[in-house]
Amino acid sequence: MTAPRVPVTHLLYLHGFRSSPLSFKARIVGGWLAAHRPDVVWHCPQLSPSPAAAVREVLESIAGWPRATTGIVGSSLGGFYATVLAERLGPDCRAVLLNPAVDPARDLTRYIGEITAWHSDERFHFRAEFIDELRALAPRQLTAPERYLAIVAKGDEVLDWREMSARYAGCQVRLLEGSDHALSDFERENLPDALRFLGLS
């Protein structure tokens, strides 16, 4: 895998559905940066339950970032958001997608109602109108496919690896024979590829 010529200087991490900045992959990436690349600007926000608000708030928070050296890492629903944002930020923005959600408008309909977050006892409402927001956000096509790296596990128990691979066909795809939705072996097996792709190691 060839590292980009220009390393990212600003890195955004987007967590998955019902997750938070306390997710283990977010903490692994943030911890690595703190230890090895403290010069990189790091932002891992708590995302709003509303997809439209989540994207709007993230764009506002990184409005001053240099697009040519901005990178995004997104997991599951965060991978969907990372794709949305990379398409909006332009062809220089790179994105690493970890078991990315392909059709969250379809998959999340069964969660409409009051649900609990993973990392706390906090409850929130996932509203029916959020499904329409997801549909409206979905990019019709991927531009500059070389700026995407999708890490896809065949052992994902939540999302279909075939659908993920098809969605990111033409992009760089690392297809894992096993693993799981959470990428439990992320630090050892996948973090090095993500860092190289972003030009950070």
Foldseek 3Di string as FASTA:
>chain_A
DAADPDFAQEEEEEEAPLEACPQPVNCLVVVCCVVQPVRRHYYYGGADLQPVRRLVVVCVVCVPPDLLRYEYEYAACGLQSRQLVNVVSDLNYAYEYEQYHDQCLVQCPVVAAWDHRDPDRDIDGNHNVSSVVSVVSGDPAGPNQQRYEYEAECQEPRDHSVSVCVRSPVHHYHYHDHAYRSNPVCNPPPVVVVCRHSVND
